[in-house]
Amino acid sequence: MGERIRTYAEFWPHYLREHANPTTRLIHAVGTVIGVALVLWGLLFGPWWLLPAGVVAGYAGAWGSHMLVEHNRPATFTYPFWSLGSDLRLVALMLTGRLAPHLRAAGL
């Protein structure tokens, strides 16, 4: 990856380029939605074990897609908070049909 990214404005296009394949983005979106749903359900209604299950569900597919589809290292390992925020942002943009301009701006 080279030089360390210093701002989120620099990170977002990098994140998108690391998720260039639409299959990777879809797997991330599904995992993120399932993960958030499990965590929220666990917080609101229980049982407690849904909290770690949500984290596992959210990241397992995403990490697998990096290994099997993108063949790169997940940004979570270097930029955990920016990566989580970007996962949520990616899903929101996908669900609202507003992702395309961001992909174009990132060179995709």
PDB file of N, CA and C in Angstrom:
ATOM      1  N   MET A   1       0.818  -1.176   0.000  1.00  0.00           N
ATOM      2  CA  MET A   1       0.000   0.000   0.000  1.00  0.00           C
ATOM      3  C   MET A   1       0.866   1.246   0.000  1.00  0.00           C
ATOM      4  N   GLY A   2       2.085   1.141   0.476  1.00  0.00           N
ATOM      5  CA  GLY A   2       2.973   2.293   0.428  1.00  0.00           C
ATOM      6  C   GLY A   2       2.800   3.225   1.599  1.00  0.00           C
ATOM      7  N   GLU A   3       2.735   4.520   1.293  1.00  0.00           N
ATOM      8  CA  GLU A   3       2.660   5.558   2.314  1.00  0.00           C
ATOM      9  C   GLU A   3       1.330   5.514   3.072  1.00  0.00           C
ATOM     10  N   ARG A   4       1.418   5.802   4.367  1.00  0.00           N
ATOM     11  CA  ARG A   4       0.231   5.767   5.230  1.00  0.00           C
ATOM     12  C   ARG A   4      -0.751   6.873   4.839  1.00  0.00           C
ATOM     13  N   ILE A   5      -2.020   6.523   4.791  1.00  0.00           N
ATOM     14  CA  ILE A   5      -3.078   7.485   4.476  1.00  0.00           C
ATOM     15  C   ILE A   5      -3.357   8.293   5.737  1.00  0.00           C
ATOM     16  N   ARG A   6      -3.421   9.601   5.589  1.00  0.00           N
ATOM     17  CA  ARG A   6      -3.534  10.483   6.752  1.00  0.00           C
ATOM     18  C   ARG A   6      -4.930  11.037   6.995  1.00  0.00           C
ATOM     19  N   THR A   7      -5.778  11.094   5.970  1.00  0.00           N
ATOM     20  CA  THR A   7      -7.112  11.667   6.151  1.00  0.00           C
ATOM     21  C   THR A   7      -8.163  10.716   5.587  1.00  0.00           C
ATOM     22  N   TYR A   8      -9.379  10.871   6.085  1.00  0.00           N
ATOM     23  CA  TYR A   8     -10.465  10.044   5.560  1.00  0.00           C
ATOM     24  C   TYR A   8     -10.741  10.390   4.099  1.00  0.00           C
ATOM     25  N   ALA A   9     -10.578  11.648   3.725  1.00  0.00           N
ATOM     26  CA  ALA A   9     -10.787  12.051   2.326  1.00  0.00           C
ATOM     27  C   ALA A   9      -9.849  11.288   1.387  1.00  0.00           C
ATOM     28  N   GLU A  10      -8.654  10.954   1.845  1.00  0.00           N
ATOM     29  CA  GLU A  10      -7.724  10.136   1.065  1.00  0.00           C
ATOM     30  C   GLU A  10      -8.095   8.660   1.138  1.00  0.00           C
ATOM     31  N   PHE A  11      -8.637   8.260   2.282  1.00  0.00           N
ATOM     32  CA  PHE A  11      -8.945   6.846   2.494  1.00  0.00           C
ATOM     33  C   PHE A  11     -10.119   6.375   1.643  1.00  0.00           C
ATOM     34  N   TRP A  12     -11.171   7.167   1.539  1.00  0.00           N
ATOM     35  CA  TRP A  12     -12.394   6.739   0.852  1.00  0.00           C
ATOM     36  C   TRP A  12     -12.128   6.258  -0.581  1.00  0.00           C
ATOM     37  N   PRO A  13     -11.413   7.003  -1.423  1.00  0.00           N
ATOM     38  CA  PRO A  13     -11.137   6.477  -2.769  1.00  0.00           C
ATOM     39  C   PRO A  13     -10.281   5.210  -2.738  1.00  0.00           C
ATOM     40  N   HIS A  14      -9.344   5.156  -1.804  1.00  0.00           N
ATOM     41  CA  HIS A  14      -8.528   3.945  -1.638  1.00  0.00           C
ATOM     42  C   HIS A  14      -9.429   2.761  -1.298  1.00  0.00           C
ATOM     43  N   TYR A  15     -10.348   2.962  -0.356  1.00  0.00           N
ATOM     44  CA  TYR A  15     -11.296   1.917   0.045  1.00  0.00           C
ATOM     45  C   TYR A  15     -12.083   1.431  -1.173  1.00  0.00           C
ATOM     46  N   LEU A  16     -12.594   2.350  -1.966  1.00  0.00           N
ATOM     47  CA  LEU A  16     -13.380   1.961  -3.138  1.00  0.00           C
ATOM     48  C   LEU A  16     -12.544   1.179  -4.137  1.00  0.00           C
ATOM     49  N   ARG A  17     -11.302   1.587  -4.347  1.00  0.00           N
ATOM     50  CA  ARG A  17     -10.436   0.854  -5.280  1.00  0.00           C
ATOM     51  C   ARG A  17     -10.125  -0.550  -4.764  1.00  0.00           C
ATOM     52  N   GLU A  18     -10.069  -0.709  -3.447  1.00  0.00           N
ATOM     53  CA  GLU A  18      -9.849  -2.032  -2.859  1.00  0.00           C
ATOM     54  C   GLU A  18     -11.103  -2.906  -2.937  1.00  0.00           C
ATOM     55  N   HIS A  19     -12.222  -2.302  -3.333  1.00  0.00           N
ATOM     56  CA  HIS A  19     -13.501  -3.007  -3.503  1.00  0.00           C
ATOM     57  C   HIS A  19     -13.978  -2.802  -4.937  1.00  0.00           C
ATOM     58  N   ALA A  20     -13.069  -2.922  -5.883  1.00  0.00           N
ATOM     59  CA  ALA A  20     -13.368  -2.631  -7.284  1.00  0.00           C
ATOM     60  C   ALA A  20     -14.359  -3.617  -7.885  1.00  0.00           C
ATOM     61  N   ASN A  21     -14.308  -4.852  -7.474  1.00  0.00           N
ATOM     62  CA  ASN A  21     -15.182  -5.876  -8.036  1.00  0.00           C
ATOM     63  C   ASN A  21     -16.584  -5.757  -7.430  1.00  0.00           C
ATOM     64  N   PRO A  22     -17.614  -5.695  -8.267  1.00  0.00           N
ATOM     65  CA  PRO A  22     -18.982  -5.592  -7.739  1.00  0.00           C
ATOM     66  C   PRO A  22     -19.373  -6.742  -6.817  1.00  0.00           C
ATOM     67  N   THR A  23     -18.810  -7.922  -7.039  1.00  0.00           N
ATOM     68  CA  THR A  23     -19.103  -9.056  -6.162  1.00  0.00           C
ATOM     69  C   THR A  23     -18.604  -8.781  -4.749  1.00  0.00           C
ATOM     70  N   THR A  24     -17.429  -8.200  -4.638  1.00  0.00           N
ATOM     71  CA  THR A  24     -16.897  -7.849  -3.327  1.00  0.00           C
ATOM     72  C   THR A  24     -17.800  -6.842  -2.632  1.00  0.00           C
ATOM     73  N   ARG A  25     -18.233  -5.833  -3.372  1.00  0.00           N
ATOM     74  CA  ARG A  25     -19.119  -4.827  -2.777  1.00  0.00           C
ATOM     75  C   ARG A  25     -20.432  -5.457  -2.321  1.00  0.00           C
ATOM     76  N   LEU A  26     -20.981  -6.369  -3.110  1.00  0.00           N
ATOM     77  CA  LEU A  26     -22.230  -7.033  -2.734  1.00  0.00           C
ATOM     78  C   LEU A  26     -22.045  -7.879  -1.476  1.00  0.00           C
ATOM     79  N   ILE A  27     -20.968  -8.636  -1.413  1.00  0.00           N
ATOM     80  CA  ILE A  27     -20.690  -9.457  -0.227  1.00  0.00           C
ATOM     81  C   ILE A  27     -20.521  -8.560   0.998  1.00  0.00           C
ATOM     82  N   HIS A  28     -19.821  -7.448   0.848  1.00  0.00           N
ATOM     83  CA  HIS A  28     -19.659  -6.505   1.956  1.00  0.00           C
ATOM     84  C   HIS A  28     -21.011  -5.964   2.402  1.00  0.00           C
ATOM     85  N   ALA A  29     -21.840  -5.593   1.452  1.00  0.00           N
ATOM     86  CA  ALA A  29     -23.144  -5.023   1.786  1.00  0.00           C
ATOM     87  C   ALA A  29     -24.006  -6.032   2.530  1.00  0.00           C
ATOM     88  N   VAL A  30     -24.063  -7.252   2.039  1.00  0.00           N
ATOM     89  CA  VAL A  30     -24.868  -8.287   2.699  1.00  0.00           C
ATOM     90  C   VAL A  30     -24.340  -8.547   4.104  1.00  0.00           C
ATOM     91  N   GLY A  31     -23.036  -8.713   4.238  1.00  0.00           N
ATOM     92  CA  GLY A  31     -22.442  -8.961   5.548  1.00  0.00           C
ATOM     93  C   GLY A  31     -22.663  -7.809   6.512  1.00  0.00           C
ATOM     94  N   THR A  32     -22.539  -6.582   6.010  1.00  0.00           N
ATOM     95  CA  THR A  32     -22.722  -5.412   6.862  1.00  0.00           C
ATOM     96  C   THR A  32     -24.164  -5.306   7.332  1.00  0.00           C
ATOM     97  N   VAL A  33     -25.107  -5.515   6.440  1.00  0.00           N
ATOM     98  CA  VAL A  33     -26.526  -5.446   6.829  1.00  0.00           C
ATOM     99  C   VAL A  33     -26.852  -6.528   7.857  1.00  0.00           C
ATOM    100  N   ILE A  34     -26.409  -7.740   7.614  1.00  0.00           N
ATOM    101  CA  ILE A  34     -26.659  -8.829   8.569  1.00  0.00           C
ATOM    102  C   ILE A  34     -25.973  -8.529   9.896  1.00  0.00           C
ATOM    103  N   GLY A  35     -24.727  -8.090   9.842  1.00  0.00           N
ATOM    104  CA  GLY A  35     -23.992  -7.780  11.065  1.00  0.00           C
ATOM    105  C   GLY A  35     -24.652  -6.691  11.886  1.00  0.00           C
ATOM    106  N   VAL A  36     -25.037  -5.604  11.238  1.00  0.00           N
ATOM    107  CA  VAL A  36     -25.688  -4.497  11.950  1.00  0.00           C
ATOM    108  C   VAL A  36     -27.020  -4.963  12.526  1.00  0.00           C
ATOM    109  N   ALA A  37     -27.770  -5.735  11.755  1.00  0.00           N
ATOM    110  CA  ALA A  37     -29.064  -6.229  12.245  1.00  0.00           C
ATOM    111  C   ALA A  37     -28.890  -7.110  13.489  1.00  0.00           C
ATOM    112  N   LEU A  38     -27.908  -7.992  13.467  1.00  0.00           N
ATOM    113  CA  LEU A  38     -27.673  -8.865  14.623  1.00  0.00           C
ATOM    114  C   LEU A  38     -27.237  -8.065  15.853  1.00  0.00           C
ATOM    115  N   VAL A  39     -26.334  -7.116  15.647  1.00  0.00           N
ATOM    116  CA  VAL A  39     -25.866  -6.305  16.773  1.00  0.00           C
ATOM    117  C   VAL A  39     -27.019  -5.485  17.350  1.00  0.00           C
ATOM    118  N   LEU A  40     -27.793  -4.844  16.497  1.00  0.00           N
ATOM    119  CA  LEU A  40     -28.925  -4.050  16.996  1.00  0.00           C
ATOM    120  C   LEU A  40     -29.959  -4.916  17.704  1.00  0.00           C
ATOM    121  N   TRP A  41     -30.278  -6.069  17.134  1.00  0.00           N
ATOM    122  CA  TRP A  41     -31.238  -6.973  17.776  1.00  0.00           C
ATOM    123  C   TRP A  41     -30.703  -7.438  19.130  1.00  0.00           C
ATOM    124  N   GLY A  42     -29.421  -7.783  19.160  1.00  0.00           N
ATOM    125  CA  GLY A  42     -28.814  -8.213  20.416  1.00  0.00           C
ATOM    126  C   GLY A  42     -28.836  -7.129  21.475  1.00  0.00           C
ATOM    127  N   LEU A  43     -28.576  -5.884  21.068  1.00  0.00           N
ATOM    128  CA  LEU A  43     -28.606  -4.772  22.016  1.00  0.00           C
ATOM    129  C   LEU A  43     -30.010  -4.482  22.525  1.00  0.00           C
ATOM    130  N   LEU A  44     -30.969  -4.551  21.626  1.00  0.00           N
ATOM    131  CA  LEU A  44     -32.338  -4.177  21.983  1.00  0.00           C
ATOM    132  C   LEU A  44     -33.116  -5.295  22.677  1.00  0.00           C
ATOM    133  N   PHE A  45     -32.924  -6.527  22.199  1.00  0.00           N
ATOM    134  CA  PHE A  45     -33.781  -7.615  22.675  1.00  0.00           C
ATOM    135  C   PHE A  45     -33.019  -8.813  23.235  1.00  0.00           C
ATOM    136  N   GLY A  46     -31.709  -8.861  23.001  1.00  0.00           N
ATOM    137  CA  GLY A  46     -30.938 -10.014  23.420  1.00  0.00           C
ATOM    138  C   GLY A  46     -31.123 -11.129  22.416  1.00  0.00           C
ATOM    139  N   PRO A  47     -30.511 -12.235  22.640  1.00  0.00           N
ATOM    140  CA  PRO A  47     -29.521 -12.544  23.660  1.00  0.00           C
ATOM    141  C   PRO A  47     -28.176 -11.876  23.369  1.00  0.00           C
ATOM    142  N   TRP A  48     -27.341 -11.832  24.377  1.00  0.00           N
ATOM    143  CA  TRP A  48     -26.065 -11.122  24.304  1.00  0.00           C
ATOM    144  C   TRP A  48     -25.140 -11.669  23.230  1.00  0.00           C
ATOM    145  N   TRP A  49     -25.229 -12.988  22.957  1.00  0.00           N
ATOM    146  CA  TRP A  49     -24.299 -13.592  22.013  1.00  0.00           C
ATOM    147  C   TRP A  49     -24.532 -13.116  20.573  1.00  0.00           C
ATOM    148  N   LEU A  50     -25.638 -12.410  20.331  1.00  0.00           N
ATOM    149  CA  LEU A  50     -25.843 -11.849  18.996  1.00  0.00           C
ATOM    150  C   LEU A  50     -24.851 -10.725  18.689  1.00  0.00           C
ATOM    151  N   LEU A  51     -24.315 -10.093  19.737  1.00  0.00           N
ATOM    152  CA  LEU A  51     -23.337  -9.018  19.522  1.00  0.00           C
ATOM    153  C   LEU A  51     -22.071  -9.552  18.837  1.00  0.00           C
ATOM    154  N   PRO A  52     -21.393 -10.544  19.413  1.00  0.00           N
ATOM    155  CA  PRO A  52     -20.217 -11.060  18.699  1.00  0.00           C
ATOM    156  C   PRO A  52     -20.592 -11.778  17.401  1.00  0.00           C
ATOM    157  N   ALA A  53     -21.777 -12.392  17.361  1.00  0.00           N
ATOM    158  CA  ALA A  53     -22.209 -13.053  16.124  1.00  0.00           C
ATOM    159  C   ALA A  53     -22.362 -12.023  15.005  1.00  0.00           C
ATOM    160  N   GLY A  54     -22.846 -10.847  15.349  1.00  0.00           N
ATOM    161  CA  GLY A  54     -22.981  -9.786  14.361  1.00  0.00           C
ATOM    162  C   GLY A  54     -21.648  -9.319  13.830  1.00  0.00           C
ATOM    163  N   VAL A  55     -20.683  -9.205  14.713  1.00  0.00           N
ATOM    164  CA  VAL A  55     -19.333  -8.804  14.287  1.00  0.00           C
ATOM    165  C   VAL A  55     -18.739  -9.864  13.354  1.00  0.00           C
ATOM    166  N   VAL A  56     -18.879 -11.122  13.733  1.00  0.00           N
ATOM    167  CA  VAL A  56     -18.357 -12.213  12.897  1.00  0.00           C
ATOM    168  C   VAL A  56     -19.067 -12.225  11.543  1.00  0.00           C
ATOM    169  N   ALA A  57     -20.384 -12.099  11.560  1.00  0.00           N
ATOM    170  CA  ALA A  57     -21.146 -12.104  10.303  1.00  0.00           C
ATOM    171  C   ALA A  57     -20.745 -10.936   9.418  1.00  0.00           C
ATOM    172  N   GLY A  58     -20.510  -9.800  10.023  1.00  0.00           N
ATOM    173  CA  GLY A  58     -20.149  -8.617   9.249  1.00  0.00           C
ATOM    174  C   GLY A  58     -18.788  -8.709   8.597  1.00  0.00           C
ATOM    175  N   TYR A  59     -17.852  -9.365   9.260  1.00  0.00           N
ATOM    176  CA  TYR A  59     -16.481  -9.395   8.745  1.00  0.00           C
ATOM    177  C   TYR A  59     -16.097 -10.684   8.026  1.00  0.00           C
ATOM    178  N   ALA A  60     -16.715 -11.794   8.344  1.00  0.00           N
ATOM    179  CA  ALA A  60     -16.306 -13.075   7.757  1.00  0.00           C
ATOM    180  C   ALA A  60     -16.406 -13.064   6.230  1.00  0.00           C
ATOM    181  N   GLY A  61     -17.556 -12.706   5.733  1.00  0.00           N
ATOM    182  CA  GLY A  61     -17.715 -12.671   4.282  1.00  0.00           C
ATOM    183  C   GLY A  61     -16.858 -11.617   3.632  1.00  0.00           C
ATOM    184  N   ALA A  62     -16.764 -10.465   4.294  1.00  0.00           N
ATOM    185  CA  ALA A  62     -15.967  -9.372   3.735  1.00  0.00           C
ATOM    186  C   ALA A  62     -14.501  -9.788   3.604  1.00  0.00           C
ATOM    187  N   TRP A  63     -13.947 -10.353   4.652  1.00  0.00           N
ATOM    188  CA  TRP A  63     -12.552 -10.774   4.598  1.00  0.00           C
ATOM    189  C   TRP A  63     -12.359 -11.889   3.579  1.00  0.00           C
ATOM    190  N   GLY A  64     -13.320 -12.802   3.536  1.00  0.00           N
ATOM    191  CA  GLY A  64     -13.249 -13.877   2.544  1.00  0.00           C
ATOM    192  C   GLY A  64     -13.261 -13.339   1.120  1.00  0.00           C
ATOM    193  N   SER A  65     -14.083 -12.311   0.893  1.00  0.00           N
ATOM    194  CA  SER A  65     -14.145 -11.749  -0.461  1.00  0.00           C
ATOM    195  C   SER A  65     -12.838 -11.070  -0.847  1.00  0.00           C
ATOM    196  N   HIS A  66     -12.138 -10.507   0.120  1.00  0.00           N
ATOM    197  CA  HIS A  66     -10.838  -9.908  -0.198  1.00  0.00           C
ATOM    198  C   HIS A  66      -9.846 -10.993  -0.604  1.00  0.00           C
ATOM    199  N   MET A  67      -9.889 -12.127   0.082  1.00  0.00           N
ATOM    200  CA  MET A  67      -8.961 -13.212  -0.239  1.00  0.00           C
ATOM    201  C   MET A  67      -9.320 -13.882  -1.562  1.00  0.00           C
ATOM    202  N   LEU A  68     -10.614 -14.149  -1.780  1.00  0.00           N
ATOM    203  CA  LEU A  68     -11.021 -14.964  -2.917  1.00  0.00           C
ATOM    204  C   LEU A  68     -11.391 -14.172  -4.166  1.00  0.00           C
ATOM    205  N   VAL A  69     -11.842 -12.943  -4.011  1.00  0.00           N
ATOM    206  CA  VAL A  69     -12.297 -12.160  -5.160  1.00  0.00           C
ATOM    207  C   VAL A  69     -11.292 -11.063  -5.517  1.00  0.00           C
ATOM    208  N   GLU A  70     -10.981 -10.203  -4.566  1.00  0.00           N
ATOM    209  CA  GLU A  70     -10.102  -9.064  -4.839  1.00  0.00           C
ATOM    210  C   GLU A  70      -8.617  -9.415  -4.769  1.00  0.00           C
ATOM    211  N   HIS A  71      -8.294 -10.442  -3.992  1.00  0.00           N
ATOM    212  CA  HIS A  71      -6.895 -10.841  -3.794  1.00  0.00           C
ATOM    213  C   HIS A  71      -6.068  -9.702  -3.203  1.00  0.00           C
ATOM    214  N   ASN A  72      -6.630  -9.064  -2.180  1.00  0.00           N
ATOM    215  CA  ASN A  72      -5.909  -8.009  -1.477  1.00  0.00           C
ATOM    216  C   ASN A  72      -6.179  -8.117   0.021  1.00  0.00           C
ATOM    217  N   ARG A  73      -5.513  -7.294   0.774  1.00  0.00           N
ATOM    218  CA  ARG A  73      -5.601  -7.316   2.241  1.00  0.00           C
ATOM    219  C   ARG A  73      -6.683  -6.338   2.685  1.00  0.00           C
ATOM    220  N   PRO A  74      -7.616  -6.790   3.547  1.00  0.00           N
ATOM    221  CA  PRO A  74      -8.670  -5.884   4.014  1.00  0.00           C
ATOM    222  C   PRO A  74      -8.098  -4.648   4.715  1.00  0.00           C
ATOM    223  N   ALA A  75      -8.694  -3.509   4.431  1.00  0.00           N
ATOM    224  CA  ALA A  75      -8.263  -2.243   5.041  1.00  0.00           C
ATOM    225  C   ALA A  75      -8.521  -2.229   6.543  1.00  0.00           C
ATOM    226  N   THR A  76      -9.374  -3.126   7.012  1.00  0.00           N
ATOM    227  CA  THR A  76      -9.705  -3.202   8.439  1.00  0.00           C
ATOM    228  C   THR A  76      -8.458  -3.373   9.292  1.00  0.00           C
ATOM    229  N   PHE A  77      -7.478  -4.089   8.785  1.00  0.00           N
ATOM    230  CA  PHE A  77      -6.290  -4.378   9.574  1.00  0.00           C
ATOM    231  C   PHE A  77      -5.411  -3.147   9.793  1.00  0.00           C
ATOM    232  N   THR A  78      -5.468  -2.197   8.872  1.00  0.00           N
ATOM    233  CA  THR A  78      -4.646  -0.994   8.986  1.00  0.00           C
ATOM    234  C   THR A  78      -5.440   0.217   9.450  1.00  0.00           C
ATOM    235  N   TYR A  79      -6.685   0.307   8.997  1.00  0.00           N
ATOM    236  CA  TYR A  79      -7.548   1.459   9.297  1.00  0.00           C
ATOM    237  C   TYR A  79      -8.908   0.962   9.794  1.00  0.00           C
ATOM    238  N   PRO A  80      -8.972   0.402  11.000  1.00  0.00           N
ATOM    239  CA  PRO A  80     -10.209  -0.265  11.441  1.00  0.00           C
ATOM    240  C   PRO A  80     -11.433   0.649  11.522  1.00  0.00           C
ATOM    241  N   PHE A  81     -11.291   1.860  12.029  1.00  0.00           N
ATOM    242  CA  PHE A  81     -12.458   2.731  12.188  1.00  0.00           C
ATOM    243  C   PHE A  81     -12.895   3.334  10.856  1.00  0.00           C
ATOM    244  N   TRP A  82     -11.937   3.769  10.050  1.00  0.00           N
ATOM    245  CA  TRP A  82     -12.276   4.279   8.731  1.00  0.00           C
ATOM    246  C   TRP A  82     -12.890   3.176   7.866  1.00  0.00           C
ATOM    247  N   SER A  83     -12.398   1.973   8.026  1.00  0.00           N
ATOM    248  CA  SER A  83     -12.920   0.851   7.256  1.00  0.00           C
ATOM    249  C   SER A  83     -14.366   0.544   7.651  1.00  0.00           C
ATOM    250  N   LEU A  84     -14.637   0.502   8.935  1.00  0.00           N
ATOM    251  CA  LEU A  84     -16.007   0.260   9.396  1.00  0.00           C
ATOM    252  C   LEU A  84     -16.940   1.358   8.904  1.00  0.00           C
ATOM    253  N   GLY A  85     -16.525   2.603   9.058  1.00  0.00           N
ATOM    254  CA  GLY A  85     -17.338   3.715   8.572  1.00  0.00           C
ATOM    255  C   GLY A  85     -17.564   3.636   7.071  1.00  0.00           C
ATOM    256  N   SER A  86     -16.549   3.204   6.345  1.00  0.00           N
ATOM    257  CA  SER A  86     -16.677   3.080   4.895  1.00  0.00           C
ATOM    258  C   SER A  86     -17.579   1.923   4.503  1.00  0.00           C
ATOM    259  N   ASP A  87     -17.551   0.838   5.273  1.00  0.00           N
ATOM    260  CA  ASP A  87     -18.492  -0.258   5.022  1.00  0.00           C
ATOM    261  C   ASP A  87     -19.931   0.247   5.146  1.00  0.00           C
ATOM    262  N   LEU A  88     -20.194   0.999   6.200  1.00  0.00           N
ATOM    263  CA  LEU A  88     -21.538   1.543   6.413  1.00  0.00           C
ATOM    264  C   LEU A  88     -21.895   2.543   5.315  1.00  0.00           C
ATOM    265  N   ARG A  89     -20.940   3.379   4.949  1.00  0.00           N
ATOM    266  CA  ARG A  89     -21.169   4.360   3.887  1.00  0.00           C
ATOM    267  C   ARG A  89     -21.429   3.658   2.557  1.00  0.00           C
ATOM    268  N   LEU A  90     -20.653   2.628   2.259  1.00  0.00           N
ATOM    269  CA  LEU A  90     -20.836   1.860   1.031  1.00  0.00           C
ATOM    270  C   LEU A  90     -22.244   1.298   0.955  1.00  0.00           C
ATOM    271  N   VAL A  91     -22.702   0.691   2.030  1.00  0.00           N
ATOM    272  CA  VAL A  91     -24.050   0.108   2.048  1.00  0.00           C
ATOM    273  C   VAL A  91     -25.102   1.192   1.841  1.00  0.00           C
ATOM    274  N   ALA A  92     -24.962   2.301   2.543  1.00  0.00           N
ATOM    275  CA  ALA A  92     -25.936   3.383   2.409  1.00  0.00           C
ATOM    276  C   ALA A  92     -25.988   3.895   0.970  1.00  0.00           C
ATOM    277  N   LEU A  93     -24.826   4.073   0.357  1.00  0.00           N
ATOM    278  CA  LEU A  93     -24.787   4.554  -1.023  1.00  0.00           C
ATOM    279  C   LEU A  93     -25.343   3.522  -1.998  1.00  0.00           C
ATOM    280  N   MET A  94     -25.066   2.247  -1.749  1.00  0.00           N
ATOM    281  CA  MET A  94     -25.616   1.199  -2.607  1.00  0.00           C
ATOM    282  C   MET A  94     -27.140   1.149  -2.494  1.00  0.00           C
ATOM    283  N   LEU A  95     -27.649   1.207  -1.274  1.00  0.00           N
ATOM    284  CA  LEU A  95     -29.094   1.099  -1.064  1.00  0.00           C
ATOM    285  C   LEU A  95     -29.861   2.292  -1.623  1.00  0.00           C
ATOM    286  N   THR A  96     -29.199   3.437  -1.713  1.00  0.00           N
ATOM    287  CA  THR A  96     -29.865   4.632  -2.217  1.00  0.00           C
ATOM    288  C   THR A  96     -29.528   4.924  -3.673  1.00  0.00           C
ATOM    289  N   GLY A  97     -28.738   4.045  -4.304  1.00  0.00           N
ATOM    290  CA  GLY A  97     -28.394   4.212  -5.709  1.00  0.00           C
ATOM    291  C   GLY A  97     -27.467   5.377  -6.000  1.00  0.00           C
ATOM    292  N   ARG A  98     -26.656   5.764  -5.012  1.00  0.00           N
ATOM    293  CA  ARG A  98     -25.775   6.927  -5.179  1.00  0.00           C
ATOM    294  C   ARG A  98     -24.297   6.569  -5.180  1.00  0.00           C
ATOM    295  N   LEU A  99     -23.956   5.311  -5.417  1.00  0.00           N
ATOM    296  CA  LEU A  99     -22.555   4.892  -5.357  1.00  0.00           C
ATOM    297  C   LEU A  99     -21.772   5.231  -6.625  1.00  0.00           C
ATOM    298  N   ALA A 100     -22.396   5.199  -7.773  1.00  0.00           N
ATOM    299  CA  ALA A 100     -21.695   5.342  -9.057  1.00  0.00           C
ATOM    300  C   ALA A 100     -20.786   6.573  -9.136  1.00  0.00           C
ATOM    301  N   PRO A 101     -21.220   7.765  -8.724  1.00  0.00           N
ATOM    302  CA  PRO A 101     -20.303   8.917  -8.815  1.00  0.00           C
ATOM    303  C   PRO A 101     -19.052   8.758  -7.961  1.00  0.00           C
ATOM    304  N   HIS A 102     -19.185   8.102  -6.836  1.00  0.00           N
ATOM    305  CA  HIS A 102     -18.031   7.863  -5.966  1.00  0.00           C
ATOM    306  C   HIS A 102     -17.060   6.897  -6.629  1.00  0.00           C
ATOM    307  N   LEU A 103     -17.590   5.861  -7.291  1.00  0.00           N
ATOM    308  CA  LEU A 103     -16.731   4.913  -7.994  1.00  0.00           C
ATOM    309  C   LEU A 103     -15.996   5.613  -9.137  1.00  0.00           C
ATOM    310  N   ARG A 104     -16.706   6.448  -9.894  1.00  0.00           N
ATOM    311  CA  ARG A 104     -16.060   7.180 -10.988  1.00  0.00           C
ATOM    312  C   ARG A 104     -14.961   8.101 -10.458  1.00  0.00           C
ATOM    313  N   ALA A 105     -15.231   8.787  -9.358  1.00  0.00           N
ATOM    314  CA  ALA A 105     -14.239   9.696  -8.780  1.00  0.00           C
ATOM    315  C   ALA A 105     -12.997   8.953  -8.306  1.00  0.00           C
ATOM    316  N   ALA A 106     -13.187   7.674  -7.917  1.00  0.00           N
ATOM    317  CA  ALA A 106     -12.063   6.849  -7.474  1.00  0.00           C
ATOM    318  C   ALA A 106     -11.346   6.182  -8.639  1.00  0.00           C
ATOM    319  N   GLY A 107     -11.828   6.427  -9.867  1.00  0.00           N
ATOM    320  CA  GLY A 107     -11.181   5.854 -11.033  1.00  0.00           C
ATOM    321  C   GLY A 107     -11.683   4.499 -11.424  1.00  0.00           C
ATOM    322  N   LEU A 108     -12.873   4.147 -10.970  1.00  0.00           N
ATOM    323  CA  LEU A 108     -13.447   2.830 -11.285  1.00  0.00           C
ATOM    324  C   LEU A 108     -14.588   2.965 -12.283  1.00  0.00           C
TER     325      LEU A 108
END
